[in-house]
């Protein structure tokens, strides 16, 4: 089992378990930073009827270049602290190895 330098992700059985600290009802959906707590992500949607969770999955799908169906919200459906599971792909591994690439991917997403 491999573990990242920071404790915001864990690789297990060809899957990545991500820790996310979500900030719903924000001005825009964006990656704010990375800390030991996880990926800090602002979410434009309100935490009402699962809308913020849906937007989070959609955002992660774009960020990691994965279909939404491959991203599973494992814990934290009603919490700001969330745990998400996704497959370990080449793109995902590259982003985990070089977290500075997250900023580049986020800018590319906003340009779409």
C-alpha atoms as a PDB file:
ATOM      1  CA  UNK A   1       0.000   0.000   0.000  1.00  0.00           C
ATOM      2  CA  UNK A   2       1.309   3.436  -0.971  1.00  0.00           C
ATOM      3  CA  UNK A   3       0.449   6.599   0.864  1.00  0.00           C
ATOM      4  CA  UNK A   4       0.894  10.209  -0.226  1.00  0.00           C
ATOM      5  CA  UNK A   5       3.210  12.569   1.631  1.00  0.00           C
ATOM      6  CA  UNK A   6       0.162  14.484   2.787  1.00  0.00           C
ATOM      7  CA  UNK A   7      -2.690  12.457   4.253  1.00  0.00           C
ATOM      8  CA  UNK A   8      -5.298  13.757   1.800  1.00  0.00           C
ATOM      9  CA  UNK A   9      -5.264  10.595  -0.305  1.00  0.00           C
ATOM     10  CA  UNK A  10      -4.562   6.894  -0.082  1.00  0.00           C
ATOM     11  CA  UNK A  11      -4.001   4.370  -2.874  1.00  0.00           C
ATOM     12  CA  UNK A  12      -5.453   0.927  -2.286  1.00  0.00           C
ATOM     13  CA  UNK A  13      -6.321  -1.879  -4.749  1.00  0.00           C
ATOM     14  CA  UNK A  14      -5.914   0.330  -7.834  1.00  0.00           C
ATOM     15  CA  UNK A  15      -8.296   2.889  -6.343  1.00  0.00           C
ATOM     16  CA  UNK A  16      -7.660   6.295  -4.831  1.00  0.00           C
ATOM     17  CA  UNK A  17      -9.426   7.364  -1.667  1.00  0.00           C
ATOM     18  CA  UNK A  18      -9.524  11.168  -1.523  1.00  0.00           C
ATOM     19  CA  UNK A  19     -10.302  13.317   1.492  1.00  0.00           C
ATOM     20  CA  UNK A  20     -12.215  16.457   0.542  1.00  0.00           C
ATOM     21  CA  UNK A  21     -13.203  19.489   2.555  1.00  0.00           C
ATOM     22  CA  UNK A  22     -16.134  21.051   0.696  1.00  0.00           C
ATOM     23  CA  UNK A  23     -17.314  24.640   0.972  1.00  0.00           C
ATOM     24  CA  UNK A  24     -20.842  24.732  -0.504  1.00  0.00           C
ATOM     25  CA  UNK A  25     -22.774  27.838  -1.574  1.00  0.00           C
ATOM     26  CA  UNK A  26     -19.615  29.566  -2.838  1.00  0.00           C
ATOM     27  CA  UNK A  27     -19.321  32.098  -5.658  1.00  0.00           C
ATOM     28  CA  UNK A  28     -17.872  29.440  -7.973  1.00  0.00           C
ATOM     29  CA  UNK A  29     -16.782  25.816  -7.968  1.00  0.00           C
ATOM     30  CA  UNK A  30     -12.995  25.673  -7.751  1.00  0.00           C
ATOM     31  CA  UNK A  31     -10.046  23.991  -6.096  1.00  0.00           C
ATOM     32  CA  UNK A  32      -8.913  26.315  -3.304  1.00  0.00           C
ATOM     33  CA  UNK A  33      -5.910  24.314  -2.165  1.00  0.00           C
ATOM     34  CA  UNK A  34      -4.545  21.126  -0.643  1.00  0.00           C
ATOM     35  CA  UNK A  35      -4.007  20.492   3.054  1.00  0.00           C
ATOM     36  CA  UNK A  36      -3.637  17.526   5.384  1.00  0.00           C
ATOM     37  CA  UNK A  37      -7.447  17.586   5.697  1.00  0.00           C
ATOM     38  CA  UNK A  38      -7.859  17.055   1.973  1.00  0.00           C
ATOM     39  CA  UNK A  39      -8.576  18.874  -1.229  1.00  0.00           C
ATOM     40  CA  UNK A  40     -10.255  22.157  -0.332  1.00  0.00           C
ATOM     41  CA  UNK A  41     -12.998  22.679  -2.907  1.00  0.00           C
ATOM     42  CA  UNK A  42     -15.535  25.484  -3.069  1.00  0.00           C
ATOM     43  CA  UNK A  43     -18.861  24.434  -4.567  1.00  0.00           C
ATOM     44  CA  UNK A  44     -21.268  26.889  -6.142  1.00  0.00           C
ATOM     45  CA  UNK A  45     -24.373  24.777  -5.431  1.00  0.00           C
ATOM     46  CA  UNK A  46     -26.226  24.915  -2.131  1.00  0.00           C
ATOM     47  CA  UNK A  47     -26.133  21.836   0.109  1.00  0.00           C
ATOM     48  CA  UNK A  48     -29.801  21.171  -0.623  1.00  0.00           C
ATOM     49  CA  UNK A  49     -31.186  17.819  -1.847  1.00  0.00           C
ATOM     50  CA  UNK A  50     -27.698  16.617  -2.755  1.00  0.00           C
ATOM     51  CA  UNK A  51     -27.064  19.410  -5.264  1.00  0.00           C
ATOM     52  CA  UNK A  52     -23.634  20.279  -3.828  1.00  0.00           C
ATOM     53  CA  UNK A  53     -22.601  16.606  -3.881  1.00  0.00           C
ATOM     54  CA  UNK A  54     -23.687  16.286  -7.520  1.00  0.00           C
ATOM     55  CA  UNK A  55     -21.715  19.389  -8.449  1.00  0.00           C
ATOM     56  CA  UNK A  56     -18.677  18.086  -6.543  1.00  0.00           C
ATOM     57  CA  UNK A  57     -18.782  14.777  -8.456  1.00  0.00           C
ATOM     58  CA  UNK A  58     -19.153  16.661 -11.736  1.00  0.00           C
ATOM     59  CA  UNK A  59     -16.209  18.923 -10.879  1.00  0.00           C
ATOM     60  CA  UNK A  60     -14.002  15.972  -9.874  1.00  0.00           C
ATOM     61  CA  UNK A  61     -15.020  14.218 -13.095  1.00  0.00           C
ATOM     62  CA  UNK A  62     -13.701  17.137 -15.121  1.00  0.00           C
ATOM     63  CA  UNK A  63     -10.599  17.609 -12.964  1.00  0.00           C
ATOM     64  CA  UNK A  64      -9.543  13.948 -13.114  1.00  0.00           C
ATOM     65  CA  UNK A  65     -10.900  13.339 -16.648  1.00  0.00           C
ATOM     66  CA  UNK A  66     -13.139  10.483 -15.506  1.00  0.00           C
ATOM     67  CA  UNK A  67     -16.794   9.648 -16.136  1.00  0.00           C
ATOM     68  CA  UNK A  68     -19.018  10.711 -13.217  1.00  0.00           C
ATOM     69  CA  UNK A  69     -20.104   7.089 -12.814  1.00  0.00           C
ATOM     70  CA  UNK A  70     -16.530   6.133 -11.812  1.00  0.00           C
ATOM     71  CA  UNK A  71     -16.455   8.561  -8.850  1.00  0.00           C
ATOM     72  CA  UNK A  72     -18.102   7.339  -5.668  1.00  0.00           C
ATOM     73  CA  UNK A  73     -18.977   9.495  -2.671  1.00  0.00           C
ATOM     74  CA  UNK A  74     -18.124   6.974   0.047  1.00  0.00           C
ATOM     75  CA  UNK A  75     -18.578   9.153   3.135  1.00  0.00           C
ATOM     76  CA  UNK A  76     -19.815  12.606   4.041  1.00  0.00           C
ATOM     77  CA  UNK A  77     -23.058  12.905   2.121  1.00  0.00           C
ATOM     78  CA  UNK A  78     -24.306  15.450   4.679  1.00  0.00           C
ATOM     79  CA  UNK A  79     -20.947  16.759   5.860  1.00  0.00           C
ATOM     80  CA  UNK A  80     -18.298  19.188   4.617  1.00  0.00           C
ATOM     81  CA  UNK A  81     -15.735  16.432   5.224  1.00  0.00           C
ATOM     82  CA  UNK A  82     -16.107  13.927   2.402  1.00  0.00           C
ATOM     83  CA  UNK A  83     -14.368  10.777   1.243  1.00  0.00           C
ATOM     84  CA  UNK A  84     -14.427   9.983  -2.467  1.00  0.00           C
ATOM     85  CA  UNK A  85     -13.199   6.850  -4.237  1.00  0.00           C
ATOM     86  CA  UNK A  86     -12.034   6.854  -7.846  1.00  0.00           C
ATOM     87  CA  UNK A  87      -9.993   4.532 -10.058  1.00  0.00           C
ATOM     88  CA  UNK A  88      -6.234   4.972 -10.260  1.00  0.00           C
ATOM     89  CA  UNK A  89      -5.718   6.043 -13.866  1.00  0.00           C
ATOM     90  CA  UNK A  90      -2.637   7.538 -15.488  1.00  0.00           C
ATOM     91  CA  UNK A  91      -4.104  11.067 -15.240  1.00  0.00           C
ATOM     92  CA  UNK A  92      -5.063  10.577 -11.586  1.00  0.00           C
ATOM     93  CA  UNK A  93      -1.583   9.233 -10.746  1.00  0.00           C
ATOM     94  CA  UNK A  94       0.057  12.177 -12.503  1.00  0.00           C
ATOM     95  CA  UNK A  95      -2.034  14.684 -10.526  1.00  0.00           C
ATOM     96  CA  UNK A  96      -1.279  12.908  -7.250  1.00  0.00           C
ATOM     97  CA  UNK A  97       2.456  12.833  -8.029  1.00  0.00           C
ATOM     98  CA  UNK A  98       2.527  16.509  -8.977  1.00  0.00           C
ATOM     99  CA  UNK A  99      -0.164  18.421  -7.038  1.00  0.00           C
ATOM    100  CA  UNK A 100       0.870  21.673  -8.764  1.00  0.00           C
ATOM    101  CA  UNK A 101      -0.817  20.284 -11.888  1.00  0.00           C
ATOM    102  CA  UNK A 102      -4.183  20.650 -10.120  1.00  0.00           C
ATOM    103  CA  UNK A 103      -3.946  24.416 -10.554  1.00  0.00           C
ATOM    104  CA  UNK A 104      -3.246  24.028 -14.262  1.00  0.00           C
ATOM    105  CA  UNK A 105      -6.202  21.620 -14.686  1.00  0.00           C
ATOM    106  CA  UNK A 106      -8.470  23.976 -12.744  1.00  0.00           C
ATOM    107  CA  UNK A 107      -7.549  26.900 -15.012  1.00  0.00           C
ATOM    108  CA  UNK A 108      -8.132  24.763 -18.106  1.00  0.00           C
ATOM    109  CA  UNK A 109     -11.554  23.794 -16.731  1.00  0.00           C
ATOM    110  CA  UNK A 110     -12.549  27.437 -16.206  1.00  0.00           C
ATOM    111  CA  UNK A 111     -11.479  28.220 -19.767  1.00  0.00           C
ATOM    112  CA  UNK A 112     -13.950  25.635 -21.155  1.00  0.00           C
END
